[in-house]
């Protein structure tokens, strides 16, 4: 049995000065306020995740897991365009647009991030279309980038946050809500609840039928 030991994880582990507890999302991930670069957000999350995992054994195991879960929830908010916008507005940010801009396609996202050239993007599009492949699968089959890079770009196309399951531990209570065969058949993984919302990792964009079944 783990016994809880008192510690201010924000100041002692993350170096966050005294202030509101819990800190706002940007302070927690050591970001400038309203940072919009998803890659920068994920990079800081990974760095902090690795650091906090050092406390996962011993007397601070409970606090470590709680903080890891909090870091994950915050990262998922800040890399989800819709939820990030809502959060930023709650923090006083004002936007000039209505947030309904067109999302980039997978290959466009890879070009923008410098992974693909324009020529490679055109080749991938021409390869995908006649074969009925997604752009994500096309660039992977053509060995233009790694599966992780392609999936991150695909998530950007869908305007969803990207989740690396090696970096977070799903909540056991959420896992218990779904039969194992249902999870395996639909290639989903319940992660945890956040603001009365169940966060679920998916290999593909879920259709309305699957969403209804999860609900």
Protein backbone atom coordinates (compact mmCIF):
# COMPACT_ATOMS: atom_id res chain seq x y z
CA UNK A 1 0.00 0.00 0.00
CA UNK A 2 1.31 3.44 -0.94
CA UNK A 3 1.24 6.12 1.75
CA UNK A 4 0.75 9.70 0.54
CA UNK A 5 3.63 12.00 1.47
CA UNK A 6 3.13 15.77 1.37
CA UNK A 7 5.03 17.56 -1.39
CA UNK A 8 4.37 20.56 -3.63
CA UNK A 9 4.99 18.77 -6.92
CA UNK A 10 4.62 21.98 -8.92
CA UNK A 11 7.44 23.85 -7.22
CA UNK A 12 9.68 20.98 -6.12
CA UNK A 13 9.46 18.86 -9.27
CA UNK A 14 8.60 21.33 -12.01
CA UNK A 15 10.21 24.49 -10.64
CA UNK A 16 6.99 26.51 -10.85
CA UNK A 17 7.08 29.54 -8.50
CA UNK A 18 4.49 30.06 -5.78
CA UNK A 19 1.11 31.00 -7.17
CA UNK A 20 -2.27 29.51 -8.01
CA UNK A 21 -2.52 25.76 -7.48
CA UNK A 22 -3.06 24.04 -9.78
CA UNK A 23 -1.28 26.42 -12.17
CA UNK A 24 -2.79 27.37 -15.52
CA UNK A 25 -2.15 25.05 -18.46
CA UNK A 26 0.67 27.11 -19.97
CA UNK A 27 2.51 27.52 -16.69
CA UNK A 28 2.19 23.79 -16.00
CA UNK A 29 3.80 22.86 -19.33
CA UNK A 30 6.40 25.65 -19.02
CA UNK A 31 5.08 27.47 -22.09
CA UNK A 32 4.57 31.11 -22.95
CA UNK A 33 0.95 32.11 -22.55
CA UNK A 34 -1.24 31.12 -25.51
CA UNK A 35 1.51 29.12 -27.24
CA UNK A 36 0.02 27.81 -30.51
CA UNK A 37 2.83 25.56 -31.74
CA UNK A 38 1.53 22.01 -31.16
CA UNK A 39 5.00 20.55 -31.69
CA UNK A 40 6.41 22.82 -28.96
CA UNK A 41 3.54 21.85 -26.64
CA UNK A 42 4.16 18.13 -27.21
CA UNK A 43 7.92 18.56 -26.79
CA UNK A 44 7.52 20.25 -23.40
CA UNK A 45 5.00 17.64 -22.35
CA UNK A 46 7.37 14.81 -23.22
CA UNK A 47 10.24 16.44 -21.33
CA UNK A 48 8.12 16.97 -18.21
CA UNK A 49 6.54 13.52 -18.52
CA UNK A 50 9.98 11.89 -18.52
CA UNK A 51 11.07 13.98 -15.55
CA UNK A 52 8.01 13.20 -13.42
CA UNK A 53 8.32 9.48 -14.16
CA UNK A 54 11.53 9.50 -12.13
CA UNK A 55 9.33 9.80 -9.03
CA UNK A 56 7.02 6.94 -10.05
CA UNK A 57 8.49 4.48 -7.56
CA UNK A 58 8.85 4.88 -3.82
CA UNK A 59 7.01 7.20 -1.48
CA UNK A 60 5.92 9.64 -4.20
CA UNK A 61 4.31 7.10 -6.54
CA UNK A 62 0.76 8.38 -5.98
CA UNK A 63 1.65 12.04 -6.53
CA UNK A 64 3.71 11.11 -9.56
CA UNK A 65 0.82 9.32 -11.24
CA UNK A 66 -1.58 12.13 -10.43
CA UNK A 67 0.77 14.70 -11.94
CA UNK A 68 1.41 12.53 -15.00
CA UNK A 69 -2.35 12.36 -15.55
CA UNK A 70 -2.67 16.11 -15.14
CA UNK A 71 0.14 16.78 -17.61
CA UNK A 72 -1.52 14.46 -20.12
CA UNK A 73 -4.92 16.12 -19.76
CA UNK A 74 -3.44 19.57 -20.20
CA UNK A 75 -1.41 18.54 -23.24
CA UNK A 76 -4.52 17.05 -24.85
CA UNK A 77 -6.44 20.27 -24.29
CA UNK A 78 -3.70 22.47 -25.74
CA UNK A 79 -3.25 20.29 -28.84
CA UNK A 80 -6.97 20.05 -29.58
CA UNK A 81 -7.86 23.18 -31.62
CA UNK A 82 -11.45 23.43 -30.41
CA UNK A 83 -10.75 22.80 -26.73
CA UNK A 84 -7.65 25.01 -26.79
CA UNK A 85 -9.63 27.90 -28.21
CA UNK A 86 -12.27 27.50 -25.51
CA UNK A 87 -9.59 27.39 -22.82
CA UNK A 88 -7.71 30.41 -24.23
CA UNK A 89 -10.91 32.43 -24.34
CA UNK A 90 -11.57 31.52 -20.70
CA UNK A 91 -8.12 32.96 -19.94
CA UNK A 92 -8.92 36.27 -21.63
CA UNK A 93 -7.55 35.69 -25.12
CA UNK A 94 -9.40 37.45 -27.93
CA UNK A 95 -9.44 36.02 -31.45
CA UNK A 96 -9.98 37.98 -34.64
CA UNK A 97 -11.43 34.99 -36.52
CA UNK A 98 -14.32 32.70 -35.63
CA UNK A 99 -12.17 29.57 -35.49
CA UNK A 100 -13.77 27.91 -38.51
CA UNK A 101 -10.66 27.88 -40.71
CA UNK A 102 -9.97 24.96 -43.05
CA UNK A 103 -7.71 22.27 -41.64
CA UNK A 104 -4.61 21.21 -43.56
CA UNK A 105 -4.53 17.80 -45.20
CA UNK A 106 -2.06 15.19 -43.95
CA UNK A 107 0.48 15.88 -46.70
CA UNK A 108 0.08 19.64 -46.32
CA UNK A 109 0.83 19.31 -42.62
CA UNK A 110 3.92 17.23 -43.41
CA UNK A 111 5.11 19.82 -45.93
CA UNK A 112 4.57 22.64 -43.44
CA UNK A 113 6.57 20.79 -40.76
CA UNK A 114 9.40 20.18 -43.24
CA UNK A 115 9.01 16.39 -43.36
CA UNK A 116 7.96 16.26 -47.03
CA UNK A 117 8.79 18.34 -50.07
CA UNK A 118 6.07 19.64 -52.36
CA UNK A 119 7.08 17.05 -54.95
CA UNK A 120 6.76 14.23 -52.42
CA UNK A 121 3.35 15.54 -51.36
CA UNK A 122 2.10 15.42 -54.95
CA UNK A 123 3.52 11.93 -55.38
CA UNK A 124 1.74 10.75 -52.22
CA UNK A 125 -1.58 12.26 -53.33
CA UNK A 126 -1.28 10.60 -56.75
CA UNK A 127 -0.40 7.28 -55.10
CA UNK A 128 -3.25 7.42 -52.58
CA UNK A 129 -6.20 8.42 -54.74
CA UNK A 130 -6.45 5.48 -57.19
CA UNK A 131 -5.76 2.94 -54.43
CA UNK A 132 -8.33 4.28 -52.00
CA UNK A 133 -5.66 4.93 -49.38
CA UNK A 134 -5.57 7.68 -46.82
CA UNK A 135 -2.70 10.11 -47.22
CA UNK A 136 -1.34 8.83 -43.93
CA UNK A 137 -1.13 5.26 -45.22
CA UNK A 138 0.25 6.44 -48.55
CA UNK A 139 3.24 8.31 -47.13
CA UNK A 140 4.04 5.38 -44.84
CA UNK A 141 3.85 2.84 -47.67
CA UNK A 142 6.07 5.07 -49.80
CA UNK A 143 8.52 5.25 -46.86
CA UNK A 144 8.46 9.04 -46.96
CA UNK A 145 8.23 9.36 -43.18
CA UNK A 146 7.69 7.38 -40.02
CA UNK A 147 4.29 6.11 -38.91
CA UNK A 148 4.42 8.49 -35.94
CA UNK A 149 5.07 11.52 -38.16
CA UNK A 150 2.27 10.48 -40.51
CA UNK A 151 -0.17 9.90 -37.66
CA UNK A 152 0.63 13.26 -36.09
CA UNK A 153 -0.12 14.94 -39.42
CA UNK A 154 -3.31 12.88 -39.79
CA UNK A 155 -4.41 14.05 -36.34
CA UNK A 156 -3.81 17.64 -37.44
CA UNK A 157 -5.99 17.04 -40.51
CA UNK A 158 -8.77 15.77 -38.25
CA UNK A 159 -8.09 18.63 -35.80
CA UNK A 160 -7.60 16.11 -33.01
CA UNK A 161 -4.77 15.83 -30.49
CA UNK A 162 -2.10 13.20 -31.12
CA UNK A 163 -1.57 10.64 -28.36
CA UNK A 164 1.55 8.55 -27.82
CA UNK A 165 0.32 5.69 -25.64
CA UNK A 166 3.83 4.98 -24.38
CA UNK A 167 3.71 8.32 -22.57
CA UNK A 168 0.48 7.97 -20.60
CA UNK A 169 -1.28 5.41 -18.47
CA UNK A 170 -5.03 4.96 -19.04
CA UNK A 171 -7.30 5.19 -16.02
CA UNK A 172 -8.22 1.67 -14.89
CA UNK A 173 -11.75 2.82 -14.04
CA UNK A 174 -12.26 3.94 -17.64
CA UNK A 175 -10.86 0.69 -19.02
CA UNK A 176 -13.32 -1.27 -16.91
CA UNK A 177 -16.24 0.48 -18.62
CA UNK A 178 -15.73 -1.34 -21.92
CA UNK A 179 -15.52 -5.05 -22.78
CA UNK A 180 -12.08 -6.04 -24.02
CA UNK A 181 -13.46 -7.40 -27.30
CA UNK A 182 -15.23 -4.11 -28.00
CA UNK A 183 -12.00 -2.19 -27.46
CA UNK A 184 -10.00 -4.58 -29.62
CA UNK A 185 -12.56 -4.78 -32.44
CA UNK A 186 -12.89 -1.02 -32.75
CA UNK A 187 -9.21 -0.29 -32.10
CA UNK A 188 -9.90 2.25 -29.38
CA UNK A 189 -8.50 2.78 -25.88
CA UNK A 190 -10.37 4.75 -23.19
CA UNK A 191 -7.87 7.04 -21.46
CA UNK A 192 -9.57 9.06 -18.74
CA UNK A 193 -12.39 11.47 -18.01
CA UNK A 194 -11.80 15.23 -18.18
CA UNK A 195 -14.51 17.83 -17.51
CA UNK A 196 -17.26 15.22 -17.83
CA UNK A 197 -15.78 14.15 -21.18
CA UNK A 198 -14.37 10.68 -21.83
CA UNK A 199 -11.11 10.89 -23.78
CA UNK A 200 -10.62 7.92 -26.08
CA UNK A 201 -7.58 7.14 -28.25
CA UNK A 202 -8.53 5.89 -31.73
CA UNK A 203 -6.57 4.55 -34.68
CA UNK A 204 -9.09 6.04 -37.12
CA UNK A 205 -11.62 8.85 -36.88
CA UNK A 206 -14.64 7.26 -35.17
CA UNK A 207 -17.93 7.24 -37.05
CA UNK A 208 -21.23 8.29 -35.52
CA UNK A 209 -22.23 4.69 -34.80
CA UNK A 210 -19.10 4.06 -32.74
CA UNK A 211 -19.52 7.36 -30.90
CA UNK A 212 -23.08 6.38 -30.00
CA UNK A 213 -21.91 2.98 -28.75
CA UNK A 214 -19.24 4.60 -26.57
CA UNK A 215 -21.81 6.98 -25.13
